[in-house]
Every structure is written in structure tokens, then in C-alpha cells.
PDB file of all heavy atoms in Angstrom:
ATOM      1  N   LYS A   1      32.355 -45.027 -15.249  1.00  0.00           N
ATOM      2  CA  LYS A   1      32.432 -44.107 -16.381  1.00  0.00           C
ATOM      3  C   LYS A   1      31.659 -42.847 -16.023  1.00  0.00           C
ATOM      4  O   LYS A   1      30.548 -42.915 -15.501  1.00  0.00           O
ATOM      5  CB  LYS A   1      31.836 -44.776 -17.621  1.00  0.00           C
ATOM      6  CG  LYS A   1      32.044 -44.012 -18.913  1.00  0.00           C
ATOM      7  CD  LYS A   1      31.680 -44.924 -20.101  1.00  0.00           C
ATOM      8  CE  LYS A   1      31.801 -44.183 -21.416  1.00  0.00           C
ATOM      9  NZ  LYS A   1      30.688 -43.311 -21.704  1.00  0.00           N
ATOM     10  N   ARG A   2      32.273 -41.706 -16.277  1.00  0.00           N
ATOM     11  CA  ARG A   2      31.643 -40.435 -15.920  1.00  0.00           C
ATOM     12  C   ARG A   2      30.332 -40.262 -16.682  1.00  0.00           C
ATOM     13  O   ARG A   2      30.307 -40.380 -17.905  1.00  0.00           O
ATOM     14  CB  ARG A   2      32.587 -39.272 -16.231  1.00  0.00           C
ATOM     15  CG  ARG A   2      32.038 -37.926 -15.763  1.00  0.00           C
ATOM     16  CD  ARG A   2      33.080 -36.844 -15.856  1.00  0.00           C
ATOM     17  NE  ARG A   2      34.221 -37.122 -14.983  1.00  0.00           N
ATOM     18  CZ  ARG A   2      35.383 -36.498 -15.080  1.00  0.00           C
ATOM     19  NH1 ARG A   2      35.581 -35.584 -16.006  1.00  0.00           N
ATOM     20  NH2 ARG A   2      36.371 -36.798 -14.255  1.00  0.00           N
ATOM     21  N   PRO A   3      29.226 -39.976 -15.963  1.00  0.00           N
ATOM     22  CA  PRO A   3      27.934 -39.809 -16.661  1.00  0.00           C
ATOM     23  C   PRO A   3      27.951 -38.578 -17.561  1.00  0.00           C
ATOM     24  O   PRO A   3      28.652 -37.601 -17.290  1.00  0.00           O
ATOM     25  CB  PRO A   3      26.924 -39.650 -15.523  1.00  0.00           C
ATOM     26  CG  PRO A   3      27.723 -39.271 -14.318  1.00  0.00           C
ATOM     27  CD  PRO A   3      29.101 -39.821 -14.506  1.00  0.00           C
ATOM     28  N   VAL A   4      27.198 -38.656 -18.645  1.00  0.00           N
ATOM     29  CA  VAL A   4      27.125 -37.526 -19.581  1.00  0.00           C
ATOM     30  C   VAL A   4      26.192 -36.467 -19.016  1.00  0.00           C
ATOM     31  O   VAL A   4      25.025 -36.740 -18.727  1.00  0.00           O
ATOM     32  CB  VAL A   4      26.610 -38.002 -20.965  1.00  0.00           C
ATOM     33  CG1 VAL A   4      26.489 -36.822 -21.928  1.00  0.00           C
ATOM     34  CG2 VAL A   4      27.543 -39.068 -21.536  1.00  0.00           C
ATOM     35  N   LYS A   5      26.734 -35.255 -18.824  1.00  0.00           N
ATOM     36  CA  LYS A   5      25.899 -34.113 -18.417  1.00  0.00           C
ATOM     37  C   LYS A   5      25.977 -33.096 -19.542  1.00  0.00           C
ATOM     38  O   LYS A   5      25.494 -33.352 -20.636  1.00  0.00           O
ATOM     39  CB  LYS A   5      26.350 -33.569 -17.064  1.00  0.00           C
ATOM     40  CG  LYS A   5      26.031 -34.575 -15.938  1.00  0.00           C
ATOM     41  CD  LYS A   5      26.450 -34.088 -14.574  1.00  0.00           C
ATOM     42  CE  LYS A   5      26.153 -35.155 -13.522  1.00  0.00           C
ATOM     43  NZ  LYS A   5      26.878 -34.885 -12.275  1.00  0.00           N
ATOM     44  N   GLU A   6      26.607 -31.930 -19.301  1.00  0.00           N
ATOM     45  CA  GLU A   6      26.741 -30.960 -20.410  1.00  0.00           C
ATOM     46  C   GLU A   6      27.736 -31.483 -21.448  1.00  0.00           C
ATOM     47  O   GLU A   6      27.629 -31.182 -22.626  1.00  0.00           O
ATOM     48  CB  GLU A   6      27.235 -29.592 -19.918  1.00  0.00           C
ATOM     49  CG  GLU A   6      26.290 -28.870 -18.951  1.00  0.00           C
ATOM     50  CD  GLU A   6      26.506 -29.300 -17.514  1.00  0.00           C
ATOM     51  OE1 GLU A   6      27.666 -29.413 -17.075  1.00  0.00           O
ATOM     52  OE2 GLU A   6      25.501 -29.550 -16.824  1.00  0.00           O
ATOM     53  N   VAL A   7      28.723 -32.263 -20.960  1.00  0.00           N
ATOM     54  CA  VAL A   7      29.796 -32.739 -21.848  1.00  0.00           C
ATOM     55  C   VAL A   7      29.899 -34.255 -21.747  1.00  0.00           C
ATOM     56  O   VAL A   7      29.812 -34.820 -20.656  1.00  0.00           O
ATOM     57  CB  VAL A   7      31.159 -32.110 -21.420  1.00  0.00           C
ATOM     58  CG1 VAL A   7      32.296 -32.591 -22.302  1.00  0.00           C
ATOM     59  CG2 VAL A   7      31.086 -30.586 -21.448  1.00  0.00           C
ATOM     60  N   ASP A   8      30.094 -34.906 -22.895  1.00  0.00           N
ATOM     61  CA  ASP A   8      30.388 -36.343 -22.897  1.00  0.00           C
ATOM     62  C   ASP A   8      31.911 -36.495 -22.929  1.00  0.00           C
ATOM     63  O   ASP A   8      32.541 -36.260 -23.956  1.00  0.00           O
ATOM     64  CB  ASP A   8      29.747 -37.013 -24.118  1.00  0.00           C
ATOM     65  CG  ASP A   8      29.974 -38.526 -24.125  1.00  0.00           C
ATOM     66  OD1 ASP A   8      30.706 -39.025 -23.237  1.00  0.00           O
ATOM     67  OD2 ASP A   8      29.440 -39.199 -25.026  1.00  0.00           O
ATOM     68  N   PHE A   9      32.500 -36.864 -21.792  1.00  0.00           N
ATOM     69  CA  PHE A   9      33.947 -36.989 -21.710  1.00  0.00           C
ATOM     70  C   PHE A   9      34.444 -38.317 -22.282  1.00  0.00           C
ATOM     71  O   PHE A   9      35.643 -38.562 -22.350  1.00  0.00           O
ATOM     72  CB  PHE A   9      34.425 -36.828 -20.257  1.00  0.00           C
ATOM     73  CG  PHE A   9      34.431 -35.390 -19.803  1.00  0.00           C
ATOM     74  CD1 PHE A   9      33.405 -34.875 -19.019  1.00  0.00           C
ATOM     75  CD2 PHE A   9      35.466 -34.544 -20.169  1.00  0.00           C
ATOM     76  CE1 PHE A   9      33.409 -33.544 -18.614  1.00  0.00           C
ATOM     77  CE2 PHE A   9      35.489 -33.207 -19.772  1.00  0.00           C
ATOM     78  CZ  PHE A   9      34.457 -32.710 -18.994  1.00  0.00           C
ATOM     79  N   GLY A  10      33.530 -39.188 -22.666  1.00  0.00           N
ATOM     80  CA  GLY A  10      33.920 -40.466 -23.246  1.00  0.00           C
ATOM     81  C   GLY A  10      34.379 -41.443 -22.181  1.00  0.00           C
ATOM     82  O   GLY A  10      33.768 -41.561 -21.120  1.00  0.00           O
ATOM     83  N   PHE A  11      35.501 -42.123 -22.459  1.00  0.00           N
ATOM     84  CA  PHE A  11      35.985 -43.176 -21.557  1.00  0.00           C
ATOM     85  C   PHE A  11      36.829 -42.580 -20.429  1.00  0.00           C
ATOM     86  O   PHE A  11      38.030 -42.836 -20.323  1.00  0.00           O
ATOM     87  CB  PHE A  11      36.769 -44.226 -22.351  1.00  0.00           C
ATOM     88  CG  PHE A  11      35.911 -44.981 -23.319  1.00  0.00           C
ATOM     89  CD1 PHE A  11      35.908 -44.647 -24.671  1.00  0.00           C
ATOM     90  CD2 PHE A  11      35.083 -46.006 -22.883  1.00  0.00           C
ATOM     91  CE1 PHE A  11      35.108 -45.336 -25.574  1.00  0.00           C
ATOM     92  CE2 PHE A  11      34.268 -46.699 -23.774  1.00  0.00           C
ATOM     93  CZ  PHE A  11      34.275 -46.358 -25.121  1.00  0.00           C
ATOM     94  N   VAL A  12      36.163 -41.787 -19.606  1.00  0.00           N
ATOM     95  CA  VAL A  12      36.810 -41.166 -18.445  1.00  0.00           C
ATOM     96  C   VAL A  12      36.179 -41.756 -17.190  1.00  0.00           C
ATOM     97  O   VAL A  12      34.959 -41.890 -17.104  1.00  0.00           O
ATOM     98  CB  VAL A  12      36.643 -39.625 -18.481  1.00  0.00           C
ATOM     99  CG1 VAL A  12      37.031 -39.000 -17.149  1.00  0.00           C
ATOM    100  CG2 VAL A  12      37.498 -39.036 -19.600  1.00  0.00           C
ATOM    101  N   GLY A  13      37.019 -42.119 -16.211  1.00  0.00           N
ATOM    102  CA  GLY A  13      36.504 -42.765 -15.003  1.00  0.00           C
ATOM    103  C   GLY A  13      36.614 -41.900 -13.772  1.00  0.00           C
ATOM    104  O   GLY A  13      37.576 -41.145 -13.616  1.00  0.00           O
ATOM    105  N   ASP A  14      35.613 -42.006 -12.894  1.00  0.00           N
ATOM    106  CA  ASP A  14      35.666 -41.390 -11.563  1.00  0.00           C
ATOM    107  C   ASP A  14      35.849 -42.520 -10.552  1.00  0.00           C
ATOM    108  O   ASP A  14      35.077 -43.487 -10.553  1.00  0.00           O
ATOM    109  CB  ASP A  14      34.380 -40.604 -11.285  1.00  0.00           C
ATOM    110  CG  ASP A  14      34.233 -39.419 -12.240  1.00  0.00           C
ATOM    111  OD1 ASP A  14      35.232 -38.725 -12.459  1.00  0.00           O
ATOM    112  OD2 ASP A  14      33.121 -39.212 -12.776  1.00  0.00           O
ATOM    113  N   VAL A  15      36.855 -42.387  -9.697  1.00  0.00           N
ATOM    114  CA  VAL A  15      37.242 -43.482  -8.790  1.00  0.00           C
ATOM    115  C   VAL A  15      36.114 -43.826  -7.822  1.00  0.00           C
ATOM    116  O   VAL A  15      35.515 -42.950  -7.194  1.00  0.00           O
ATOM    117  CB  VAL A  15      38.529 -43.132  -8.001  1.00  0.00           C
ATOM    118  CG1 VAL A  15      38.881 -44.231  -7.000  1.00  0.00           C
ATOM    119  CG2 VAL A  15      39.686 -42.902  -8.956  1.00  0.00           C
ATOM    120  N   LYS A  16      35.848 -45.122  -7.735  1.00  0.00           N
ATOM    121  CA  LYS A  16      34.775 -45.631  -6.877  1.00  0.00           C
ATOM    122  C   LYS A  16      35.351 -46.381  -5.678  1.00  0.00           C
ATOM    123  O   LYS A  16      34.837 -46.307  -4.585  1.00  0.00           O
ATOM    124  CB  LYS A  16      33.907 -46.581  -7.728  1.00  0.00           C
ATOM    125  CG  LYS A  16      32.478 -46.726  -7.291  1.00  0.00           C
ATOM    126  CD  LYS A  16      31.632 -47.440  -8.347  1.00  0.00           C
ATOM    127  CE  LYS A  16      32.034 -48.889  -8.532  1.00  0.00           C
ATOM    128  NZ  LYS A  16      31.169 -49.620  -9.463  1.00  0.00           N
ATOM    129  N   GLN A  17      36.448 -47.094  -5.916  1.00  0.00           N
ATOM    130  CA  GLN A  17      36.942 -47.995  -4.873  1.00  0.00           C
ATOM    131  C   GLN A  17      38.432 -48.277  -5.064  1.00  0.00           C
ATOM    132  O   GLN A  17      38.897 -48.482  -6.187  1.00  0.00           O
ATOM    133  CB  GLN A  17      36.142 -49.273  -5.040  1.00  0.00           C
ATOM    134  CG  GLN A  17      36.316 -50.389  -4.081  1.00  0.00           C
ATOM    135  CD  GLN A  17      35.396 -51.529  -4.536  1.00  0.00           C
ATOM    136  OE1 GLN A  17      34.273 -51.297  -4.978  1.00  0.00           O
ATOM    137  NE2 GLN A  17      35.875 -52.746  -4.461  1.00  0.00           N
ATOM    138  N   VAL A  18      39.172 -48.274  -3.953  1.00  0.00           N
ATOM    139  CA  VAL A  18      40.607 -48.589  -3.973  1.00  0.00           C
ATOM    140  C   VAL A  18      40.829 -49.840  -3.131  1.00  0.00           C
ATOM    141  O   VAL A  18      40.406 -49.905  -1.975  1.00  0.00           O
ATOM    142  CB  VAL A  18      41.439 -47.403  -3.409  1.00  0.00           C
ATOM    143  CG1 VAL A  18      42.897 -47.789  -3.217  1.00  0.00           C
ATOM    144  CG2 VAL A  18      41.335 -46.192  -4.333  1.00  0.00           C
ATOM    145  N   ALA A  19      41.493 -50.838  -3.708  1.00  0.00           N
ATOM    146  CA  ALA A  19      41.744 -52.105  -2.997  1.00  0.00           C
ATOM    147  C   ALA A  19      43.025 -51.963  -2.169  1.00  0.00           C
ATOM    148  O   ALA A  19      44.104 -52.410  -2.572  1.00  0.00           O
ATOM    149  CB  ALA A  19      41.855 -53.242  -4.002  1.00  0.00           C
ATOM    150  N   HIS A  20      42.873 -51.307  -1.007  1.00  0.00           N
ATOM    151  CA  HIS A  20      44.069 -50.981  -0.211  1.00  0.00           C
ATOM    152  C   HIS A  20      44.822 -52.228   0.260  1.00  0.00           C
ATOM    153  O   HIS A  20      46.046 -52.207   0.370  1.00  0.00           O
ATOM    154  CB  HIS A  20      43.704 -50.066   0.974  1.00  0.00           C
ATOM    155  CG  HIS A  20      42.693 -50.623   1.912  1.00  0.00           C
ATOM    156  ND1 HIS A  20      41.336 -50.579   1.665  1.00  0.00           N
ATOM    157  CD2 HIS A  20      42.851 -51.244   3.113  1.00  0.00           C
ATOM    158  CE1 HIS A  20      40.703 -51.144   2.685  1.00  0.00           C
ATOM    159  NE2 HIS A  20      41.590 -51.560   3.554  1.00  0.00           N
ATOM    160  N   GLN A  21      44.099 -53.324   0.511  1.00  0.00           N
ATOM    161  CA  GLN A  21      44.779 -54.544   0.973  1.00  0.00           C
ATOM    162  C   GLN A  21      45.649 -55.142  -0.127  1.00  0.00           C
ATOM    163  O   GLN A  21      46.759 -55.609   0.133  1.00  0.00           O
ATOM    164  CB  GLN A  21      43.747 -55.594   1.455  1.00  0.00           C
ATOM    165  CG  GLN A  21      42.959 -55.186   2.685  1.00  0.00           C
ATOM    166  CD  GLN A  21      43.796 -55.149   3.968  1.00  0.00           C
ATOM    167  OE1 GLN A  21      45.009 -55.323   3.960  1.00  0.00           O
ATOM    168  NE2 GLN A  21      43.144 -54.893   5.100  1.00  0.00           N
ATOM    169  N   SER A  22      45.141 -55.107  -1.364  1.00  0.00           N
ATOM    170  CA  SER A  22      45.930 -55.639  -2.497  1.00  0.00           C
ATOM    171  C   SER A  22      47.181 -54.803  -2.721  1.00  0.00           C
ATOM    172  O   SER A  22      48.276 -55.334  -2.945  1.00  0.00           O
ATOM    173  CB  SER A  22      45.087 -55.644  -3.778  1.00  0.00           C
ATOM    174  OG  SER A  22      43.961 -56.457  -3.613  1.00  0.00           O
ATOM    175  N   ILE A  23      47.015 -53.479  -2.676  1.00  0.00           N
ATOM    176  CA  ILE A  23      48.176 -52.582  -2.853  1.00  0.00           C
ATOM    177  C   ILE A  23      49.173 -52.821  -1.712  1.00  0.00           C
ATOM    178  O   ILE A  23      50.384 -52.867  -1.928  1.00  0.00           O
ATOM    179  CB  ILE A  23      47.731 -51.099  -2.902  1.00  0.00           C
ATOM    180  CG1 ILE A  23      46.817 -50.866  -4.118  1.00  0.00           C
ATOM    181  CG2 ILE A  23      48.936 -50.162  -2.951  1.00  0.00           C
ATOM    182  CD1 ILE A  23      46.097 -49.519  -4.138  1.00  0.00           C
ATOM    183  N   ASN A  24      48.637 -53.025  -0.507  1.00  0.00           N
ATOM    184  CA  ASN A  24      49.506 -53.251   0.650  1.00  0.00           C
ATOM    185  C   ASN A  24      50.288 -54.559   0.533  1.00  0.00           C
ATOM    186  O   ASN A  24      51.420 -54.650   1.004  1.00  0.00           O
ATOM    187  CB  ASN A  24      48.694 -53.239   1.944  1.00  0.00           C
ATOM    188  CG  ASN A  24      49.592 -53.179   3.169  1.00  0.00           C
ATOM    189  OD1 ASN A  24      50.567 -52.425   3.192  1.00  0.00           O
ATOM    190  ND2 ASN A  24      49.318 -54.001   4.162  1.00  0.00           N
ATOM    191  N   THR A  25      49.687 -55.575  -0.112  1.00  0.00           N
ATOM    192  CA  THR A  25      50.403 -56.844  -0.326  1.00  0.00           C
ATOM    193  C   THR A  25      51.685 -56.593  -1.111  1.00  0.00           C
ATOM    194  O   THR A  25      52.747 -57.144  -0.795  1.00  0.00           O
ATOM    195  CB  THR A  25      49.497 -57.849  -1.090  1.00  0.00           C
ATOM    196  OG1 THR A  25      48.326 -58.066  -0.307  1.00  0.00           O
ATOM    197  CG2 THR A  25      50.188 -59.172  -1.324  1.00  0.00           C
ATOM    198  N   LEU A  26      51.600 -55.723  -2.124  1.00  0.00           N
ATOM    199  CA  LEU A  26      52.790 -55.375  -2.919  1.00  0.00           C
ATOM    200  C   LEU A  26      53.805 -54.602  -2.071  1.00  0.00           C
ATOM    201  O   LEU A  26      55.010 -54.879  -2.116  1.00  0.00           O
ATOM    202  CB  LEU A  26      52.384 -54.537  -4.135  1.00  0.00           C
ATOM    203  CG  LEU A  26      51.462 -55.214  -5.156  1.00  0.00           C
ATOM    204  CD1 LEU A  26      50.968 -54.206  -6.185  1.00  0.00           C
ATOM    205  CD2 LEU A  26      52.165 -56.377  -5.836  1.00  0.00           C
ATOM    206  N   ILE A  27      53.297 -53.634  -1.286  1.00  0.00           N
ATOM    207  CA  ILE A  27      54.189 -52.816  -0.446  1.00  0.00           C
ATOM    208  C   ILE A  27      54.902 -53.689   0.589  1.00  0.00           C
ATOM    209  O   ILE A  27      56.107 -53.550   0.817  1.00  0.00           O
ATOM    210  CB  ILE A  27      53.397 -51.670   0.231  1.00  0.00           C
ATOM    211  CG1 ILE A  27      52.955 -50.645  -0.825  1.00  0.00           C
ATOM    212  CG2 ILE A  27      54.233 -50.975   1.304  1.00  0.00           C
ATOM    213  CD1 ILE A  27      51.984 -49.600  -0.312  1.00  0.00           C
ATOM    214  N   GLN A  28      54.152 -54.612   1.196  1.00  0.00           N
ATOM    215  CA  GLN A  28      54.736 -55.495   2.220  1.00  0.00           C
ATOM    216  C   GLN A  28      55.762 -56.452   1.620  1.00  0.00           C
ATOM    217  O   GLN A  28      56.642 -56.947   2.317  1.00  0.00           O
ATOM    218  CB  GLN A  28      53.628 -56.280   2.944  1.00  0.00           C
ATOM    219  CG  GLN A  28      52.771 -55.428   3.877  1.00  0.00           C
ATOM    220  CD  GLN A  28      53.578 -54.721   4.966  1.00  0.00           C
ATOM    221  OE1 GLN A  28      54.471 -55.293   5.572  1.00  0.00           O
ATOM    222  NE2 GLN A  28      53.265 -53.453   5.208  1.00  0.00           N
ATOM    223  N   ALA A  29      55.636 -56.702   0.313  1.00  0.00           N
ATOM    224  CA  ALA A  29      56.630 -57.547  -0.374  1.00  0.00           C
ATOM    225  C   ALA A  29      57.832 -56.717  -0.850  1.00  0.00           C
ATOM    226  O   ALA A  29      58.663 -57.190  -1.627  1.00  0.00           O
ATOM    227  CB  ALA A  29      55.974 -58.249  -1.560  1.00  0.00           C
ATOM    228  N   ASN A  30      57.887 -55.463  -0.368  1.00  0.00           N
ATOM    229  CA  ASN A  30      58.982 -54.519  -0.698  1.00  0.00           C
ATOM    230  C   ASN A  30      59.002 -54.080  -2.158  1.00  0.00           C
ATOM    231  O   ASN A  30      60.057 -53.759  -2.701  1.00  0.00           O
ATOM    232  CB  ASN A  30      60.353 -55.080  -0.280  1.00  0.00           C
ATOM    233  CG  ASN A  30      60.496 -55.079   1.230  1.00  0.00           C
ATOM    234  OD1 ASN A  30      60.042 -54.150   1.897  1.00  0.00           O
ATOM    235  ND2 ASN A  30      61.075 -56.137   1.767  1.00  0.00           N
ATOM    236  N   PHE A  31      57.836 -54.077  -2.803  1.00  0.00           N
ATOM    237  CA  PHE A  31      57.718 -53.468  -4.124  1.00  0.00           C
ATOM    238  C   PHE A  31      57.248 -52.021  -3.946  1.00  0.00           C
ATOM    239  O   PHE A  31      56.503 -51.720  -3.011  1.00  0.00           O
ATOM    240  CB  PHE A  31      56.697 -54.210  -4.989  1.00  0.00           C
ATOM    241  CG  PHE A  31      57.089 -55.623  -5.328  1.00  0.00           C
ATOM    242  CD1 PHE A  31      56.234 -56.683  -5.057  1.00  0.00           C
ATOM    243  CD2 PHE A  31      58.313 -55.905  -5.934  1.00  0.00           C
ATOM    244  CE1 PHE A  31      56.584 -57.992  -5.368  1.00  0.00           C
ATOM    245  CE2 PHE A  31      58.674 -57.204  -6.247  1.00  0.00           C
ATOM    246  CZ  PHE A  31      57.814 -58.254  -5.963  1.00  0.00           C
ATOM    247  N   THR A  32      57.660 -51.143  -4.858  1.00  0.00           N
ATOM    248  CA  THR A  32      57.181 -49.761  -4.871  1.00  0.00           C
ATOM    249  C   THR A  32      56.194 -49.610  -6.024  1.00  0.00           C
ATOM    250  O   THR A  32      56.610 -49.632  -7.191  1.00  0.00           O
ATOM    251  CB  THR A  32      58.359 -48.771  -5.033  1.00  0.00           C
ATOM    252  OG1 THR A  32      59.217 -48.896  -3.892  1.00  0.00           O
ATOM    253  CG2 THR A  32      57.861 -47.334  -5.135  1.00  0.00           C
ATOM    254  N   PRO A  33      54.877 -49.485  -5.745  1.00  0.00           N
ATOM    255  CA  PRO A  33      53.898 -49.347  -6.829  1.00  0.00           C
ATOM    256  C   PRO A  33      54.066 -48.031  -7.579  1.00  0.00           C
ATOM    257  O   PRO A  33      54.270 -46.981  -6.976  1.00  0.00           O
ATOM    258  CB  PRO A  33      52.552 -49.375  -6.089  1.00  0.00           C
ATOM    259  CG  PRO A  33      52.840 -50.028  -4.772  1.00  0.00           C
ATOM    260  CD  PRO A  33      54.236 -49.596  -4.426  1.00  0.00           C
ATOM    261  N   VAL A  34      53.994 -48.118  -8.916  1.00  0.00           N
ATOM    262  CA  VAL A  34      54.040 -46.929  -9.778  1.00  0.00           C
ATOM    263  C   VAL A  34      52.763 -46.954 -10.628  1.00  0.00           C
ATOM    264  O   VAL A  34      52.643 -47.744 -11.563  1.00  0.00           O
ATOM    265  CB  VAL A  34      55.298 -46.929 -10.689  1.00  0.00           C
ATOM    266  CG1 VAL A  34      55.283 -45.717 -11.623  1.00  0.00           C
ATOM    267  CG2 VAL A  34      56.576 -46.944  -9.848  1.00  0.00           C
ATOM    268  N   PHE A  35      51.810 -46.113 -10.254  1.00  0.00           N
ATOM    269  CA  PHE A  35      50.504 -46.090 -10.935  1.00  0.00           C
ATOM    270  C   PHE A  35      50.503 -45.073 -12.068  1.00  0.00           C
ATOM    271  O   PHE A  35      50.902 -43.922 -11.878  1.00  0.00           O
ATOM    272  CB  PHE A  35      49.385 -45.696  -9.958  1.00  0.00           C
ATOM    273  CG  PHE A  35      48.929 -46.824  -9.082  1.00  0.00           C
ATOM    274  CD1 PHE A  35      49.347 -46.899  -7.762  1.00  0.00           C
ATOM    275  CD2 PHE A  35      48.067 -47.807  -9.572  1.00  0.00           C
ATOM    276  CE1 PHE A  35      48.925 -47.940  -6.940  1.00  0.00           C
ATOM    277  CE2 PHE A  35      47.645 -48.848  -8.764  1.00  0.00           C
ATOM    278  CZ  PHE A  35      48.073 -48.923  -7.446  1.00  0.00           C
ATOM    279  N   CYS A  36      50.005 -45.484 -13.234  1.00  0.00           N
ATOM    280  CA  CYS A  36      49.705 -44.514 -14.280  1.00  0.00           C
ATOM    281  C   CYS A  36      48.231 -44.117 -14.142  1.00  0.00           C
ATOM    282  O   CYS A  36      47.499 -44.685 -13.325  1.00  0.00           O
ATOM    283  CB  CYS A  36      49.998 -45.095 -15.661  1.00  0.00           C
ATOM    284  SG  CYS A  36      48.885 -46.420 -16.165  1.00  0.00           S
ATOM    285  N   ALA A  37      47.810 -43.135 -14.953  1.00  0.00           N
ATOM    286  CA  ALA A  37      46.467 -42.545 -14.769  1.00  0.00           C
ATOM    287  C   ALA A  37      45.385 -43.303 -15.536  1.00  0.00           C
ATOM    288  O   ALA A  37      44.601 -42.726 -16.284  1.00  0.00           O
ATOM    289  CB  ALA A  37      46.502 -41.082 -15.184  1.00  0.00           C
ATOM    290  N   ILE A  38      45.365 -44.634 -15.348  1.00  0.00           N
ATOM    291  CA  ILE A  38      44.349 -45.487 -15.979  1.00  0.00           C
ATOM    292  C   ILE A  38      43.725 -46.371 -14.915  1.00  0.00           C
ATOM    293  O   ILE A  38      44.439 -46.977 -14.105  1.00  0.00           O
ATOM    294  CB  ILE A  38      44.976 -46.376 -17.078  1.00  0.00           C
ATOM    295  CG1 ILE A  38      45.554 -45.520 -18.214  1.00  0.00           C
ATOM    296  CG2 ILE A  38      43.954 -47.359 -17.646  1.00  0.00           C
ATOM    297  CD1 ILE A  38      46.360 -46.303 -19.237  1.00  0.00           C
ATOM    298  N   THR A  39      42.396 -46.436 -14.903  1.00  0.00           N
ATOM    299  CA  THR A  39      41.676 -47.334 -13.986  1.00  0.00           C
ATOM    300  C   THR A  39      40.812 -48.265 -14.841  1.00  0.00           C
ATOM    301  O   THR A  39      40.943 -48.308 -16.059  1.00  0.00           O
ATOM    302  CB  THR A  39      40.812 -46.520 -13.007  1.00  0.00           C
ATOM    303  OG1 THR A  39      39.882 -45.732 -13.768  1.00  0.00           O
ATOM    304  CG2 THR A  39      41.654 -45.588 -12.141  1.00  0.00           C
ATOM    305  N   HIS A  40      39.913 -49.013 -14.191  1.00  0.00           N
ATOM    306  CA  HIS A  40      39.005 -49.880 -14.961  1.00  0.00           C
ATOM    307  C   HIS A  40      37.655 -49.947 -14.251  1.00  0.00           C
ATOM    308  O   HIS A  40      37.528 -49.531 -13.099  1.00  0.00           O
ATOM    309  CB  HIS A  40      39.614 -51.279 -15.146  1.00  0.00           C
ATOM    310  CG  HIS A  40      39.544 -52.142 -13.908  1.00  0.00           C
ATOM    311  ND1 HIS A  40      39.106 -53.441 -13.934  1.00  0.00           N
ATOM    312  CD2 HIS A  40      39.852 -51.894 -12.614  1.00  0.00           C
ATOM    313  CE1 HIS A  40      39.153 -53.958 -12.709  1.00  0.00           C
ATOM    314  NE2 HIS A  40      39.596 -53.040 -11.901  1.00  0.00           N
ATOM    315  N   ASP A  41      36.644 -50.457 -14.974  1.00  0.00           N
ATOM    316  CA  ASP A  41      35.292 -50.460 -14.395  1.00  0.00           C
ATOM    317  C   ASP A  41      34.876 -51.814 -13.822  1.00  0.00           C
ATOM    318  O   ASP A  41      33.734 -51.994 -13.398  1.00  0.00           O
ATOM    319  CB  ASP A  41      34.261 -49.986 -15.438  1.00  0.00           C
ATOM    320  CG  ASP A  41      34.049 -50.987 -16.579  1.00  0.00           C
ATOM    321  OD1 ASP A  41      34.790 -52.011 -16.636  1.00  0.00           O
ATOM    322  OD2 ASP A  41      33.157 -50.747 -17.416  1.00  0.00           O
ATOM    323  N   GLY A  42      35.795 -52.793 -13.830  1.00  0.00           N
ATOM    324  CA  GLY A  42      35.469 -54.119 -13.310  1.00  0.00           C
ATOM    325  C   GLY A  42      34.771 -55.007 -14.330  1.00  0.00           C
ATOM    326  O   GLY A  42      34.547 -56.189 -14.087  1.00  0.00           O
TER     327      GLY A  42
END
């Protein structure tokens, strides 16, 4: 979650980590991933 500085953006995330192996499992299974602009904090 983006830290509050001059502005509190609320529930806005800055990307920390991408699970490239998990995404690749889908690609290798011939799926085409379609990502929307939502992440999660774990």
C-alpha cells in the first residue's frame, strides 16, 4: 500500500514482486494472461 506523504491515495498499491514462474506456468499451458489493474498485498 502506498505510504501516505502529501496525499493519502487510499487503497493504491506499488508493485513489490512479480511471480514470473507462476505466470509462465499459464503461458506454457498455452493460456494468454489478461491482467486488469488490480494487485494484492498478500
